[in-house]
């Protein structure tokens, strides 16, 4: 297939381009910079200079081009968010950016559309001890202004992609990204310097290595069922405190000290992410329907890539 890739020079996009090419697909990579265009060309993709938040710029850049599919992997996250406002730009990419990419899909003749969603759409809360599957309520509003801003964007993203007539839409509800990427490097630097403690009580997260995330996108492009959402995570949920300890060990740092969770009240998003949320995501549907399995079934294998 000929694939239009948004976020082609980002964390997941950079891992996805070589996988798409290796699978025999052609890649039109969206980028806003000269450097990004050079990197895409060197990797074997065809660069397209445009951002997805400017519909006129995007459609002008794509005029006369053709594609079979669109993959949306664009975010504005460059490290660990501390506050809800840190995600507002990514929220906009999930709302208006997705709408613009659907217009682009119509222009280039693409029917298949794979979009990046996120597991915290299930809620920044304790979801119990049972595996969280795709039939759980997703992006429900809570009455919390900061959280609901993210929920509305996740809902808008999925509803647009899965509900647009003429589009075979698929949503990938990724777990917490880790691996050779900015947030992991930032956390690793902080634990190496003794600046990041673990907190008690600790939340539970469902990680996904960025290389496994990219592999899942290729599998969804080729084998995903239209109208479906898939949880994409490794096989073992982990306490956030355990993740930070494993991260410290992987970079040769001393074990982080422990602090009470109320200390994080000054960083409300970080507290919701690291303490309040307890989500044991199930990847069974993705493994069954996409023929995908993580190469790194837990953080203990994946952190060795650092």
C-alpha atoms as a PDB file:
ATOM      1  CA  UNK A   1       0.000   0.000   0.000  1.00  0.00           C
ATOM      2  CA  UNK A   2       0.929   3.628  -0.420  1.00  0.00           C
ATOM      3  CA  UNK A   3       0.695   5.106   3.086  1.00  0.00           C
ATOM      4  CA  UNK A   4       0.390   8.744   4.155  1.00  0.00           C
ATOM      5  CA  UNK A   5       2.050   8.924   7.592  1.00  0.00           C
ATOM      6  CA  UNK A   6       1.418  11.825   9.985  1.00  0.00           C
ATOM      7  CA  UNK A   7       4.039  12.167  12.703  1.00  0.00           C
ATOM      8  CA  UNK A   8       6.555  10.512  10.410  1.00  0.00           C
ATOM      9  CA  UNK A   9       9.588  12.003  12.192  1.00  0.00           C
ATOM     10  CA  UNK A  10       8.217  11.574  15.716  1.00  0.00           C
ATOM     11  CA  UNK A  11       8.917   8.853  18.244  1.00  0.00           C
ATOM     12  CA  UNK A  12       6.654   6.167  16.794  1.00  0.00           C
ATOM     13  CA  UNK A  13       6.832   7.449  13.224  1.00  0.00           C
ATOM     14  CA  UNK A  14      10.620   7.148  13.137  1.00  0.00           C
ATOM     15  CA  UNK A  15      10.342   3.485  14.167  1.00  0.00           C
ATOM     16  CA  UNK A  16       7.394   2.912  11.834  1.00  0.00           C
ATOM     17  CA  UNK A  17       8.872   4.199   8.560  1.00  0.00           C
ATOM     18  CA  UNK A  18      11.501   1.424   8.185  1.00  0.00           C
ATOM     19  CA  UNK A  19       8.952  -1.235   9.186  1.00  0.00           C
ATOM     20  CA  UNK A  20       6.468  -0.069   6.584  1.00  0.00           C
ATOM     21  CA  UNK A  21       9.150  -0.019   3.911  1.00  0.00           C
ATOM     22  CA  UNK A  22      10.436  -3.452   4.936  1.00  0.00           C
ATOM     23  CA  UNK A  23       6.878  -4.791   4.614  1.00  0.00           C
ATOM     24  CA  UNK A  24       6.739  -3.578   1.017  1.00  0.00           C
ATOM     25  CA  UNK A  25       4.679  -0.421   1.506  1.00  0.00           C
ATOM     26  CA  UNK A  26       5.471   3.031   0.141  1.00  0.00           C
ATOM     27  CA  UNK A  27       5.534   5.943   2.595  1.00  0.00           C
ATOM     28  CA  UNK A  28       4.525   9.562   2.132  1.00  0.00           C
ATOM     29  CA  UNK A  29       5.871  11.136   5.320  1.00  0.00           C
ATOM     30  CA  UNK A  30       4.456  14.409   6.583  1.00  0.00           C
ATOM     31  CA  UNK A  31       7.002  16.793   8.099  1.00  0.00           C
ATOM     32  CA  UNK A  32       7.209  20.533   8.723  1.00  0.00           C
ATOM     33  CA  UNK A  33      10.988  20.907   8.629  1.00  0.00           C
ATOM     34  CA  UNK A  34      13.863  20.673   6.153  1.00  0.00           C
ATOM     35  CA  UNK A  35      15.702  18.380   8.542  1.00  0.00           C
ATOM     36  CA  UNK A  36      12.705  16.086   8.800  1.00  0.00           C
ATOM     37  CA  UNK A  37      12.408  15.982   5.034  1.00  0.00           C
ATOM     38  CA  UNK A  38      16.061  15.006   4.705  1.00  0.00           C
ATOM     39  CA  UNK A  39      15.723  12.242   7.303  1.00  0.00           C
ATOM     40  CA  UNK A  40      12.654  10.819   5.579  1.00  0.00           C
ATOM     41  CA  UNK A  41      14.298  10.876   2.169  1.00  0.00           C
ATOM     42  CA  UNK A  42      17.414   9.179   3.580  1.00  0.00           C
ATOM     43  CA  UNK A  43      15.207   6.465   5.093  1.00  0.00           C
ATOM     44  CA  UNK A  44      13.542   5.783   1.730  1.00  0.00           C
ATOM     45  CA  UNK A  45      10.264   7.633   2.284  1.00  0.00           C
ATOM     46  CA  UNK A  46       8.834  10.467   0.181  1.00  0.00           C
ATOM     47  CA  UNK A  47       8.687  13.634   2.298  1.00  0.00           C
ATOM     48  CA  UNK A  48       5.655  15.944   2.141  1.00  0.00           C
ATOM     49  CA  UNK A  49       6.169  19.379   3.689  1.00  0.00           C
ATOM     50  CA  UNK A  50       3.018  20.221   5.658  1.00  0.00           C
ATOM     51  CA  UNK A  51       1.614  20.268   9.167  1.00  0.00           C
ATOM     52  CA  UNK A  52      -1.684  18.626   9.966  1.00  0.00           C
ATOM     53  CA  UNK A  53      -3.169  21.531  11.937  1.00  0.00           C
ATOM     54  CA  UNK A  54      -3.319  23.783   8.866  1.00  0.00           C
ATOM     55  CA  UNK A  55      -5.920  22.201   6.600  1.00  0.00           C
ATOM     56  CA  UNK A  56      -5.236  24.465   3.631  1.00  0.00           C
ATOM     57  CA  UNK A  57      -1.486  23.843   3.805  1.00  0.00           C
ATOM     58  CA  UNK A  58      -2.024  20.104   4.152  1.00  0.00           C
ATOM     59  CA  UNK A  59      -4.462  19.783   1.257  1.00  0.00           C
ATOM     60  CA  UNK A  60      -2.345  21.999  -0.998  1.00  0.00           C
ATOM     61  CA  UNK A  61       0.761  19.895  -0.308  1.00  0.00           C
ATOM     62  CA  UNK A  62      -1.150  16.702  -1.121  1.00  0.00           C
ATOM     63  CA  UNK A  63      -2.940  17.945  -4.225  1.00  0.00           C
ATOM     64  CA  UNK A  64      -2.253  15.548  -7.095  1.00  0.00           C
ATOM     65  CA  UNK A  65      -0.890  12.792  -4.850  1.00  0.00           C
ATOM     66  CA  UNK A  66      -2.482   9.400  -4.203  1.00  0.00           C
ATOM     67  CA  UNK A  67      -2.431   7.033  -1.228  1.00  0.00           C
ATOM     68  CA  UNK A  68      -4.254   3.901  -0.137  1.00  0.00           C
ATOM     69  CA  UNK A  69      -4.095   4.495   3.619  1.00  0.00           C
ATOM     70  CA  UNK A  70      -3.416   7.092   6.311  1.00  0.00           C
ATOM     71  CA  UNK A  71      -1.676   6.435   9.632  1.00  0.00           C
ATOM     72  CA  UNK A  72      -1.996   9.136  12.300  1.00  0.00           C
ATOM     73  CA  UNK A  73       0.891   9.035  14.802  1.00  0.00           C
ATOM     74  CA  UNK A  74       1.248  12.778  15.430  1.00  0.00           C
ATOM     75  CA  UNK A  75       1.595  14.110  18.995  1.00  0.00           C
ATOM     76  CA  UNK A  76       3.235  17.115  20.647  1.00  0.00           C
ATOM     77  CA  UNK A  77       4.620  15.209  23.640  1.00  0.00           C
ATOM     78  CA  UNK A  78       8.381  15.525  24.078  1.00  0.00           C
ATOM     79  CA  UNK A  79       8.792  14.280  27.658  1.00  0.00           C
ATOM     80  CA  UNK A  80       6.907  13.433  30.833  1.00  0.00           C
ATOM     81  CA  UNK A  81       3.904  15.802  31.153  1.00  0.00           C
ATOM     82  CA  UNK A  82       3.608  17.453  34.564  1.00  0.00           C
ATOM     83  CA  UNK A  83       0.359  19.368  34.134  1.00  0.00           C
ATOM     84  CA  UNK A  84      -2.852  18.835  32.183  1.00  0.00           C
ATOM     85  CA  UNK A  85      -2.034  21.848  29.983  1.00  0.00           C
ATOM     86  CA  UNK A  86       1.070  19.997  28.797  1.00  0.00           C
ATOM     87  CA  UNK A  87      -1.258  17.798  26.707  1.00  0.00           C
ATOM     88  CA  UNK A  88      -3.481  20.484  25.196  1.00  0.00           C
ATOM     89  CA  UNK A  89      -1.489  20.633  21.932  1.00  0.00           C
ATOM     90  CA  UNK A  90      -1.759  16.850  21.564  1.00  0.00           C
ATOM     91  CA  UNK A  91      -5.480  17.089  22.360  1.00  0.00           C
ATOM     92  CA  UNK A  92      -5.819  19.482  19.418  1.00  0.00           C
ATOM     93  CA  UNK A  93      -3.951  17.078  17.147  1.00  0.00           C
ATOM     94  CA  UNK A  94      -6.431  14.351  18.118  1.00  0.00           C
ATOM     95  CA  UNK A  95      -9.400  16.590  17.387  1.00  0.00           C
ATOM     96  CA  UNK A  96      -8.740  19.060  14.573  1.00  0.00           C
ATOM     97  CA  UNK A  97      -5.651  17.257  13.305  1.00  0.00           C
ATOM     98  CA  UNK A  98      -7.655  14.063  12.834  1.00  0.00           C
ATOM     99  CA  UNK A  99     -10.423  15.986  11.051  1.00  0.00           C
ATOM    100  CA  UNK A 100      -7.863  17.509   8.678  1.00  0.00           C
ATOM    101  CA  UNK A 101      -6.280  14.122   7.988  1.00  0.00           C
ATOM    102  CA  UNK A 102      -9.676  12.665   7.133  1.00  0.00           C
ATOM    103  CA  UNK A 103     -10.117  15.451   4.570  1.00  0.00           C
ATOM    104  CA  UNK A 104      -6.654  14.577   3.269  1.00  0.00           C
ATOM    105  CA  UNK A 105      -7.643  10.905   3.052  1.00  0.00           C
ATOM    106  CA  UNK A 106     -10.587  11.848   0.838  1.00  0.00           C
ATOM    107  CA  UNK A 107      -8.334  13.986  -1.359  1.00  0.00           C
ATOM    108  CA  UNK A 108      -5.700  11.288  -1.948  1.00  0.00           C
ATOM    109  CA  UNK A 109      -8.234   8.465  -2.278  1.00  0.00           C
ATOM    110  CA  UNK A 110      -7.281   6.595   0.908  1.00  0.00           C
ATOM    111  CA  UNK A 111      -9.942   4.363   2.460  1.00  0.00           C
ATOM    112  CA  UNK A 112      -7.964   2.799   5.307  1.00  0.00           C
ATOM    113  CA  UNK A 113      -7.129   4.943   8.351  1.00  0.00           C
ATOM    114  CA  UNK A 114      -5.180   3.833  11.430  1.00  0.00           C
ATOM    115  CA  UNK A 115      -5.075   6.290  14.329  1.00  0.00           C
ATOM    116  CA  UNK A 116      -3.110   6.504  17.566  1.00  0.00           C
ATOM    117  CA  UNK A 117      -5.299   6.440  20.667  1.00  0.00           C
ATOM    118  CA  UNK A 118      -4.263   6.023  24.316  1.00  0.00           C
ATOM    119  CA  UNK A 119      -5.054   3.632  27.148  1.00  0.00           C
ATOM    120  CA  UNK A 120      -5.786   6.386  29.673  1.00  0.00           C
ATOM    121  CA  UNK A 121      -9.023   6.952  27.794  1.00  0.00           C
ATOM    122  CA  UNK A 122     -10.287   4.158  30.042  1.00  0.00           C
ATOM    123  CA  UNK A 123      -9.915   6.603  32.928  1.00  0.00           C
ATOM    124  CA  UNK A 124      -7.328   8.124  35.239  1.00  0.00           C
ATOM    125  CA  UNK A 125      -8.510   5.870  38.052  1.00  0.00           C
ATOM    126  CA  UNK A 126      -8.307   2.411  39.599  1.00  0.00           C
ATOM    127  CA  UNK A 127      -9.973  -0.051  37.205  1.00  0.00           C
ATOM    128  CA  UNK A 128      -9.539  -3.047  39.482  1.00  0.00           C
ATOM    129  CA  UNK A 129      -7.640  -6.288  39.151  1.00  0.00           C
ATOM    130  CA  UNK A 130      -9.321  -7.705  36.030  1.00  0.00           C
ATOM    131  CA  UNK A 131      -7.736  -7.184  32.574  1.00  0.00           C
ATOM    132  CA  UNK A 132      -9.124  -4.110  30.815  1.00  0.00           C
ATOM    133  CA  UNK A 133     -10.510  -5.095  27.412  1.00  0.00           C
ATOM    134  CA  UNK A 134     -11.773  -3.000  24.517  1.00  0.00           C
ATOM    135  CA  UNK A 135     -15.423  -3.394  25.526  1.00  0.00           C
ATOM    136  CA  UNK A 136     -14.899  -1.223  28.628  1.00  0.00           C
ATOM    137  CA  UNK A 137     -16.371   2.321  28.453  1.00  0.00           C
ATOM    138  CA  UNK A 138     -13.882   4.631  26.778  1.00  0.00           C
ATOM    139  CA  UNK A 139     -13.369   8.395  27.108  1.00  0.00           C
ATOM    140  CA  UNK A 140     -16.220   8.891  29.576  1.00  0.00           C
ATOM    141  CA  UNK A 141     -16.377  12.387  31.076  1.00  0.00           C
ATOM    142  CA  UNK A 142     -15.675  12.715  34.785  1.00  0.00           C
ATOM    143  CA  UNK A 143     -16.466  16.326  35.675  1.00  0.00           C
ATOM    144  CA  UNK A 144     -12.759  17.114  36.157  1.00  0.00           C
ATOM    145  CA  UNK A 145     -11.884  19.951  33.779  1.00  0.00           C
ATOM    146  CA  UNK A 146      -8.309  18.874  33.024  1.00  0.00           C
ATOM    147  CA  UNK A 147      -9.077  15.180  32.588  1.00  0.00           C
ATOM    148  CA  UNK A 148     -12.215  15.830  30.529  1.00  0.00           C
ATOM    149  CA  UNK A 149     -10.208  17.919  28.048  1.00  0.00           C
ATOM    150  CA  UNK A 150      -8.186  14.791  27.239  1.00  0.00           C
ATOM    151  CA  UNK A 151     -11.250  12.544  27.206  1.00  0.00           C
ATOM    152  CA  UNK A 152     -13.061  14.740  24.695  1.00  0.00           C
ATOM    153  CA  UNK A 153     -10.048  14.679  22.391  1.00  0.00           C
ATOM    154  CA  UNK A 154      -9.663  10.894  22.615  1.00  0.00           C
ATOM    155  CA  UNK A 155     -13.367  10.446  21.938  1.00  0.00           C
ATOM    156  CA  UNK A 156     -13.293  12.865  18.994  1.00  0.00           C
ATOM    157  CA  UNK A 157     -10.293  11.081  17.506  1.00  0.00           C
ATOM    158  CA  UNK A 158     -11.846   7.620  17.667  1.00  0.00           C
ATOM    159  CA  UNK A 159     -15.381   8.671  16.713  1.00  0.00           C
ATOM    160  CA  UNK A 160     -14.141  10.486  13.614  1.00  0.00           C
ATOM    161  CA  UNK A 161     -11.919   7.640  12.438  1.00  0.00           C
ATOM    162  CA  UNK A 162     -14.254   4.769  13.272  1.00  0.00           C
ATOM    163  CA  UNK A 163     -17.433   6.540  12.175  1.00  0.00           C
ATOM    164  CA  UNK A 164     -16.641   8.365   8.931  1.00  0.00           C
ATOM    165  CA  UNK A 165     -18.513   6.822   5.958  1.00  0.00           C
ATOM    166  CA  UNK A 166     -16.198   5.438   3.309  1.00  0.00           C
ATOM    167  CA  UNK A 167     -13.298   5.071   5.762  1.00  0.00           C
ATOM    168  CA  UNK A 168     -12.117   1.713   7.127  1.00  0.00           C
ATOM    169  CA  UNK A 169     -11.006   3.125  10.465  1.00  0.00           C
ATOM    170  CA  UNK A 170      -8.934   1.397  13.172  1.00  0.00           C
ATOM    171  CA  UNK A 171      -7.866   2.832  16.555  1.00  0.00           C
ATOM    172  CA  UNK A 172      -4.798   1.640  18.457  1.00  0.00           C
ATOM    173  CA  UNK A 173      -5.125   2.260  22.190  1.00  0.00           C
ATOM    174  CA  UNK A 174      -1.462   2.289  23.088  1.00  0.00           C
ATOM    175  CA  UNK A 175      -0.173   1.729  26.592  1.00  0.00           C
ATOM    176  CA  UNK A 176       2.621   3.805  28.119  1.00  0.00           C
ATOM    177  CA  UNK A 177       5.418   4.217  25.581  1.00  0.00           C
ATOM    178  CA  UNK A 178       8.957   3.405  26.658  1.00  0.00           C
ATOM    179  CA  UNK A 179      12.269   2.508  25.058  1.00  0.00           C
ATOM    180  CA  UNK A 180      14.701   4.682  23.094  1.00  0.00           C
ATOM    181  CA  UNK A 181      12.376   7.702  23.177  1.00  0.00           C
ATOM    182  CA  UNK A 182      12.264  11.131  24.901  1.00  0.00           C
ATOM    183  CA  UNK A 183      10.117  10.356  27.971  1.00  0.00           C
ATOM    184  CA  UNK A 184      12.143   7.270  28.887  1.00  0.00           C
ATOM    185  CA  UNK A 185      15.396   9.188  28.435  1.00  0.00           C
ATOM    186  CA  UNK A 186      14.084  12.011  30.624  1.00  0.00           C
ATOM    187  CA  UNK A 187      13.021   9.614  33.378  1.00  0.00           C
ATOM    188  CA  UNK A 188      16.301   7.696  33.110  1.00  0.00           C
ATOM    189  CA  UNK A 189      18.282  10.910  33.500  1.00  0.00           C
ATOM    190  CA  UNK A 190      16.266  11.899  36.556  1.00  0.00           C
ATOM    191  CA  UNK A 191      16.619   8.539  38.310  1.00  0.00           C
ATOM    192  CA  UNK A 192      20.346   8.474  37.462  1.00  0.00           C
ATOM    193  CA  UNK A 193      20.728  11.846  39.192  1.00  0.00           C
ATOM    194  CA  UNK A 194      18.569  10.807  42.135  1.00  0.00           C
ATOM    195  CA  UNK A 195      15.926  13.408  41.302  1.00  0.00           C
ATOM    196  CA  UNK A 196      12.942  11.111  40.760  1.00  0.00           C
ATOM    197  CA  UNK A 197      11.595   9.121  43.716  1.00  0.00           C
ATOM    198  CA  UNK A 198       8.981   6.401  43.695  1.00  0.00           C
ATOM    199  CA  UNK A 199       5.655   7.207  45.292  1.00  0.00           C
ATOM    200  CA  UNK A 200       3.453   5.246  47.657  1.00  0.00           C
ATOM    201  CA  UNK A 201       0.810   4.272  46.864  1.00  0.00           C
ATOM    202  CA  UNK A 202       1.835   3.609  43.278  1.00  0.00           C
ATOM    203  CA  UNK A 203      -0.335   3.403  40.197  1.00  0.00           C
ATOM    204  CA  UNK A 204      -0.268   0.508  37.730  1.00  0.00           C
ATOM    205  CA  UNK A 205       0.590   1.101  34.095  1.00  0.00           C
ATOM    206  CA  UNK A 206       0.592  -1.040  30.958  1.00  0.00           C
ATOM    207  CA  UNK A 207       3.813  -0.360  29.015  1.00  0.00           C
ATOM    208  CA  UNK A 208       4.533  -0.791  25.310  1.00  0.00           C
ATOM    209  CA  UNK A 209       7.998  -0.606  23.751  1.00  0.00           C
ATOM    210  CA  UNK A 210       8.061   1.833  20.842  1.00  0.00           C
ATOM    211  CA  UNK A 211       9.337  -0.843  18.434  1.00  0.00           C
ATOM    212  CA  UNK A 212       6.402  -3.083  19.372  1.00  0.00           C
ATOM    213  CA  UNK A 213       4.063  -0.105  18.971  1.00  0.00           C
ATOM    214  CA  UNK A 214       5.349   0.425  15.430  1.00  0.00           C
ATOM    215  CA  UNK A 215       4.981  -3.279  14.615  1.00  0.00           C
ATOM    216  CA  UNK A 216       1.375  -3.158  15.820  1.00  0.00           C
ATOM    217  CA  UNK A 217       0.631  -0.256  13.475  1.00  0.00           C
ATOM    218  CA  UNK A 218       1.854  -2.288  10.494  1.00  0.00           C
ATOM    219  CA  UNK A 219      -0.238  -5.256  11.627  1.00  0.00           C
ATOM    220  CA  UNK A 220      -3.312  -3.046  12.010  1.00  0.00           C
ATOM    221  CA  UNK A 221      -2.764  -1.527   8.575  1.00  0.00           C
ATOM    222  CA  UNK A 222      -2.627  -4.966   6.974  1.00  0.00           C
ATOM    223  CA  UNK A 223      -5.032  -7.027   9.096  1.00  0.00           C
ATOM    224  CA  UNK A 224      -7.093  -4.785  11.376  1.00  0.00           C
ATOM    225  CA  UNK A 225     -10.882  -5.018  11.203  1.00  0.00           C
ATOM    226  CA  UNK A 226     -12.573  -1.765  10.163  1.00  0.00           C
ATOM    227  CA  UNK A 227     -14.435  -0.045  12.974  1.00  0.00           C
ATOM    228  CA  UNK A 228     -12.391  -1.732  15.711  1.00  0.00           C
ATOM    229  CA  UNK A 229     -10.177  -0.495  18.535  1.00  0.00           C
ATOM    230  CA  UNK A 230      -7.215  -2.552  19.781  1.00  0.00           C
ATOM    231  CA  UNK A 231      -5.276  -2.347  23.044  1.00  0.00           C
ATOM    232  CA  UNK A 232      -1.553  -2.342  22.276  1.00  0.00           C
ATOM    233  CA  UNK A 233       0.615  -3.158  25.281  1.00  0.00           C
ATOM    234  CA  UNK A 234       3.090  -5.743  26.460  1.00  0.00           C
ATOM    235  CA  UNK A 235       2.040  -8.841  28.384  1.00  0.00           C
ATOM    236  CA  UNK A 236       2.738  -7.640  31.926  1.00  0.00           C
ATOM    237  CA  UNK A 237       1.221  -4.584  33.646  1.00  0.00           C
ATOM    238  CA  UNK A 238       3.585  -3.107  36.200  1.00  0.00           C
ATOM    239  CA  UNK A 239       3.458  -0.822  39.215  1.00  0.00           C
ATOM    240  CA  UNK A 240       4.905   2.564  38.302  1.00  0.00           C
ATOM    241  CA  UNK A 241       7.236   2.288  41.293  1.00  0.00           C
ATOM    242  CA  UNK A 242       8.527  -1.044  39.967  1.00  0.00           C
ATOM    243  CA  UNK A 243       9.000   0.483  36.528  1.00  0.00           C
ATOM    244  CA  UNK A 244      11.148   3.290  37.926  1.00  0.00           C
ATOM    245  CA  UNK A 245      13.222   0.837  39.956  1.00  0.00           C
ATOM    246  CA  UNK A 246      13.782  -1.322  36.872  1.00  0.00           C
ATOM    247  CA  UNK A 247      14.675   1.781  34.875  1.00  0.00           C
ATOM    248  CA  UNK A 248      17.204   2.800  37.509  1.00  0.00           C
ATOM    249  CA  UNK A 249      18.787  -0.662  37.439  1.00  0.00           C
ATOM    250  CA  UNK A 250      18.971  -0.584  33.632  1.00  0.00           C
ATOM    251  CA  UNK A 251      21.087   2.593  33.684  1.00  0.00           C
ATOM    252  CA  UNK A 252      23.210   1.573  36.694  1.00  0.00           C
ATOM    253  CA  UNK A 253      21.600   4.015  39.121  1.00  0.00           C
ATOM    254  CA  UNK A 254      20.847   3.517  42.803  1.00  0.00           C
ATOM    255  CA  UNK A 255      17.251   2.495  43.643  1.00  0.00           C
ATOM    256  CA  UNK A 256      15.016   5.584  43.896  1.00  0.00           C
ATOM    257  CA  UNK A 257      13.960   6.682  47.354  1.00  0.00           C
ATOM    258  CA  UNK A 258      10.285   6.425  48.308  1.00  0.00           C
ATOM    259  CA  UNK A 259       8.014   9.384  49.124  1.00  0.00           C
ATOM    260  CA  UNK A 260       4.314   9.673  49.976  1.00  0.00           C
ATOM    261  CA  UNK A 261       2.109  10.297  46.949  1.00  0.00           C
ATOM    262  CA  UNK A 262       0.660  13.537  48.307  1.00  0.00           C
ATOM    263  CA  UNK A 263       3.958  15.218  47.375  1.00  0.00           C
ATOM    264  CA  UNK A 264       2.792  15.071  43.746  1.00  0.00           C
ATOM    265  CA  UNK A 265      -0.223  17.292  44.425  1.00  0.00           C
ATOM    266  CA  UNK A 266       1.760  20.193  42.920  1.00  0.00           C
ATOM    267  CA  UNK A 267       1.847  18.294  39.578  1.00  0.00           C
ATOM    268  CA  UNK A 268      -1.751  17.088  39.098  1.00  0.00           C
ATOM    269  CA  UNK A 269      -1.310  15.345  35.757  1.00  0.00           C
ATOM    270  CA  UNK A 270       1.786  13.508  36.948  1.00  0.00           C
ATOM    271  CA  UNK A 271      -0.055  12.386  40.067  1.00  0.00           C
ATOM    272  CA  UNK A 272      -2.996  11.115  38.002  1.00  0.00           C
ATOM    273  CA  UNK A 273      -0.586   9.280  35.710  1.00  0.00           C
ATOM    274  CA  UNK A 274       1.772   7.782  38.295  1.00  0.00           C
ATOM    275  CA  UNK A 275      -0.451   7.297  41.345  1.00  0.00           C
ATOM    276  CA  UNK A 276      -4.192   7.424  40.669  1.00  0.00           C
ATOM    277  CA  UNK A 277      -4.350   5.323  37.493  1.00  0.00           C
ATOM    278  CA  UNK A 278      -4.312   1.543  37.952  1.00  0.00           C
ATOM    279  CA  UNK A 279      -4.918  -0.059  34.555  1.00  0.00           C
ATOM    280  CA  UNK A 280      -4.071  -3.645  33.686  1.00  0.00           C
ATOM    281  CA  UNK A 281      -4.555  -3.540  29.929  1.00  0.00           C
ATOM    282  CA  UNK A 282      -5.285  -6.723  27.960  1.00  0.00           C
ATOM    283  CA  UNK A 283      -3.652  -7.190  24.538  1.00  0.00           C
ATOM    284  CA  UNK A 284      -5.514 -10.443  23.772  1.00  0.00           C
ATOM    285  CA  UNK A 285      -7.684  -8.980  21.000  1.00  0.00           C
ATOM    286  CA  UNK A 286      -4.692  -7.502  19.164  1.00  0.00           C
ATOM    287  CA  UNK A 287      -2.777 -10.756  19.421  1.00  0.00           C
ATOM    288  CA  UNK A 288      -5.772 -12.736  18.204  1.00  0.00           C
ATOM    289  CA  UNK A 289      -6.961 -10.537  15.342  1.00  0.00           C
ATOM    290  CA  UNK A 290      -3.799  -8.773  14.185  1.00  0.00           C
ATOM    291  CA  UNK A 291      -1.423 -11.711  14.478  1.00  0.00           C
ATOM    292  CA  UNK A 292       0.806  -9.419  16.553  1.00  0.00           C
ATOM    293  CA  UNK A 293       2.788 -10.203  19.676  1.00  0.00           C
ATOM    294  CA  UNK A 294       5.236  -7.926  21.473  1.00  0.00           C
ATOM    295  CA  UNK A 295       8.882  -8.755  20.939  1.00  0.00           C
ATOM    296  CA  UNK A 296       9.406  -7.339  24.438  1.00  0.00           C
ATOM    297  CA  UNK A 297       6.760  -9.079  26.594  1.00  0.00           C
ATOM    298  CA  UNK A 298       7.729  -7.062  29.687  1.00  0.00           C
ATOM    299  CA  UNK A 299       9.838  -4.087  30.713  1.00  0.00           C
ATOM    300  CA  UNK A 300      12.556  -6.469  31.861  1.00  0.00           C
ATOM    301  CA  UNK A 301      13.330  -7.381  28.236  1.00  0.00           C
ATOM    302  CA  UNK A 302      12.501  -3.972  26.786  1.00  0.00           C
ATOM    303  CA  UNK A 303      14.653  -1.878  29.093  1.00  0.00           C
ATOM    304  CA  UNK A 304      17.722  -3.768  27.921  1.00  0.00           C
ATOM    305  CA  UNK A 305      17.424  -1.811  24.662  1.00  0.00           C
ATOM    306  CA  UNK A 306      18.480   1.332  26.542  1.00  0.00           C
END
